[in-house]
C-alpha atoms as a PDB file:
ATOM      1  CA  MET A   1      64.262  -1.371  40.610  1.00  0.00           C
ATOM      2  CA  GLU A   2      60.555  -0.514  40.732  1.00  0.00           C
ATOM      3  CA  ASP A   3      58.343  -2.621  43.024  1.00  0.00           C
ATOM      4  CA  LYS A   4      55.189  -2.772  40.871  1.00  0.00           C
ATOM      5  CA  VAL A   5      53.119  -4.357  43.645  1.00  0.00           C
ATOM      6  CA  ASN A   6      53.979  -2.387  46.776  1.00  0.00           C
ATOM      7  CA  ASN A   7      55.428   0.827  45.422  1.00  0.00           C
ATOM      8  CA  PRO A   8      54.781   1.503  41.716  1.00  0.00           C
ATOM      9  CA  LEU A   9      55.945   4.866  40.424  1.00  0.00           C
ATOM     10  CA  HIS A  10      52.434   6.214  39.864  1.00  0.00           C
ATOM     11  CA  TYR A  11      51.720   5.691  43.586  1.00  0.00           C
ATOM     12  CA  THR A  12      54.502   7.982  44.744  1.00  0.00           C
ATOM     13  CA  SER A  13      55.189  10.411  41.907  1.00  0.00           C
ATOM     14  CA  HIS A  14      52.406  12.945  42.576  1.00  0.00           C
ATOM     15  CA  PRO A  15      53.859  16.489  42.705  1.00  0.00           C
ATOM     16  CA  SER A  16      52.468  16.959  46.232  1.00  0.00           C
ATOM     17  CA  GLY A  17      54.726  14.213  47.556  1.00  0.00           C
ATOM     18  CA  ILE A  18      51.701  12.624  49.223  1.00  0.00           C
ATOM     19  CA  GLU A  19      50.696   9.068  48.437  1.00  0.00           C
ATOM     20  CA  CYS A  20      47.020   8.856  47.507  1.00  0.00           C
ATOM     21  CA  ILE A  21      46.278   6.072  49.997  1.00  0.00           C
ATOM     22  CA  GLN A  22      47.095   8.447  52.858  1.00  0.00           C
ATOM     23  CA  ILE A  23      43.886  10.290  51.978  1.00  0.00           C
ATOM     24  CA  THR A  24      41.641   7.612  50.486  1.00  0.00           C
ATOM     25  CA  GLU A  25      41.909   5.240  53.445  1.00  0.00           C
ATOM     26  CA  HIS A  26      39.787   7.780  55.356  1.00  0.00           C
ATOM     27  CA  MET A  27      36.999   7.711  52.763  1.00  0.00           C
ATOM     28  CA  GLY A  28      34.333   5.227  51.736  1.00  0.00           C
ATOM     29  CA  PHE A  29      35.074   2.742  48.953  1.00  0.00           C
ATOM     30  CA  ASN A  30      33.433   4.534  46.027  1.00  0.00           C
ATOM     31  CA  LEU A  31      34.681   8.014  46.903  1.00  0.00           C
ATOM     32  CA  GLY A  32      38.150   6.692  47.698  1.00  0.00           C
ATOM     33  CA  ASN A  33      38.395   4.961  44.339  1.00  0.00           C
ATOM     34  CA  CYS A  34      37.040   8.013  42.530  1.00  0.00           C
ATOM     35  CA  LEU A  35      39.708  10.174  44.144  1.00  0.00           C
ATOM     36  CA  LYS A  36      42.380   7.562  43.434  1.00  0.00           C
ATOM     37  CA  TYR A  37      41.680   7.649  39.709  1.00  0.00           C
ATOM     38  CA  LEU A  38      41.542  11.453  39.661  1.00  0.00           C
ATOM     39  CA  TRP A  39      44.746  11.720  41.698  1.00  0.00           C
ATOM     40  CA  ARG A  40      46.774   9.414  39.469  1.00  0.00           C
ATOM     41  CA  CYS A  41      45.268  10.106  36.041  1.00  0.00           C
ATOM     42  CA  ASP A  42      48.155  12.254  34.827  1.00  0.00           C
ATOM     43  CA  LEU A  43      50.750   9.893  36.271  1.00  0.00           C
ATOM     44  CA  LYS A  44      49.710   6.905  34.159  1.00  0.00           C
ATOM     45  CA  HIS A  45      49.505   6.152  30.453  1.00  0.00           C
ATOM     46  CA  ASP A  46      45.819   6.868  29.730  1.00  0.00           C
ATOM     47  CA  ALA A  47      44.392   9.799  31.694  1.00  0.00           C
ATOM     48  CA  ILE A  48      41.058   9.670  29.889  1.00  0.00           C
ATOM     49  CA  GLU A  49      40.529   6.033  30.866  1.00  0.00           C
ATOM     50  CA  ASP A  50      41.202   6.898  34.500  1.00  0.00           C
ATOM     51  CA  LEU A  51      38.792   9.847  34.318  1.00  0.00           C
ATOM     52  CA  HIS A  52      36.089   7.477  33.045  1.00  0.00           C
ATOM     53  CA  LYS A  53      36.841   5.116  35.934  1.00  0.00           C
ATOM     54  CA  ALA A  54      36.594   7.998  38.414  1.00  0.00           C
ATOM     55  CA  ARG A  55      33.218   8.985  36.976  1.00  0.00           C
ATOM     56  CA  TRP A  56      32.020   5.354  37.232  1.00  0.00           C
ATOM     57  CA  TYR A  57      32.762   5.280  40.972  1.00  0.00           C
ATOM     58  CA  LEU A  58      31.239   8.731  41.474  1.00  0.00           C
ATOM     59  CA  ASP A  59      28.058   7.657  39.672  1.00  0.00           C
ATOM     60  CA  ARG A  60      27.834   4.584  41.933  1.00  0.00           C
ATOM     61  CA  GLU A  61      28.191   6.764  45.024  1.00  0.00           C
ATOM     62  CA  ILE A  62      25.515   9.176  43.815  1.00  0.00           C
ATOM     63  CA  ALA A  63      23.127   6.296  43.049  1.00  0.00           C
ATOM     64  CA  LYS A  64      23.757   4.758  46.482  1.00  0.00           C
ATOM     65  CA  ARG A  65      23.061   8.039  48.263  1.00  0.00           C
ATOM     66  CA  GLU A  66      19.977   8.794  46.178  1.00  0.00           C
ATOM     67  CA  LYS A  67      18.594   5.355  46.994  1.00  0.00           C
ATOM     68  CA  ALA A  68      19.238   5.895  50.716  1.00  0.00           C
ATOM     69  CA  ARG A  69      17.656   9.366  50.562  1.00  0.00           C
ATOM     70  CA  ASP A  70      14.569   8.024  48.781  1.00  0.00           C
ATOM     71  CA  LYS A  71      14.090   5.365  51.478  1.00  0.00           C
ATOM     72  CA  SER A  72      14.060   7.947  54.267  1.00  0.00           C
END
């Protein structure tokens, strides 16, 4: 039986055999979430929705870095 909280299928069914969190826990929040949505987009029902979510987090990261660059 699938454990939808701790071990849903889309967490562990990537062809690489690697679970996304093994990589994203070493990244910042926005980049980690962007990668998470890219990583799992073809493993869930609506890939396009996940690609939009990934872009949303990437846009936030770009804006944050541009703001920091402009202050320096």
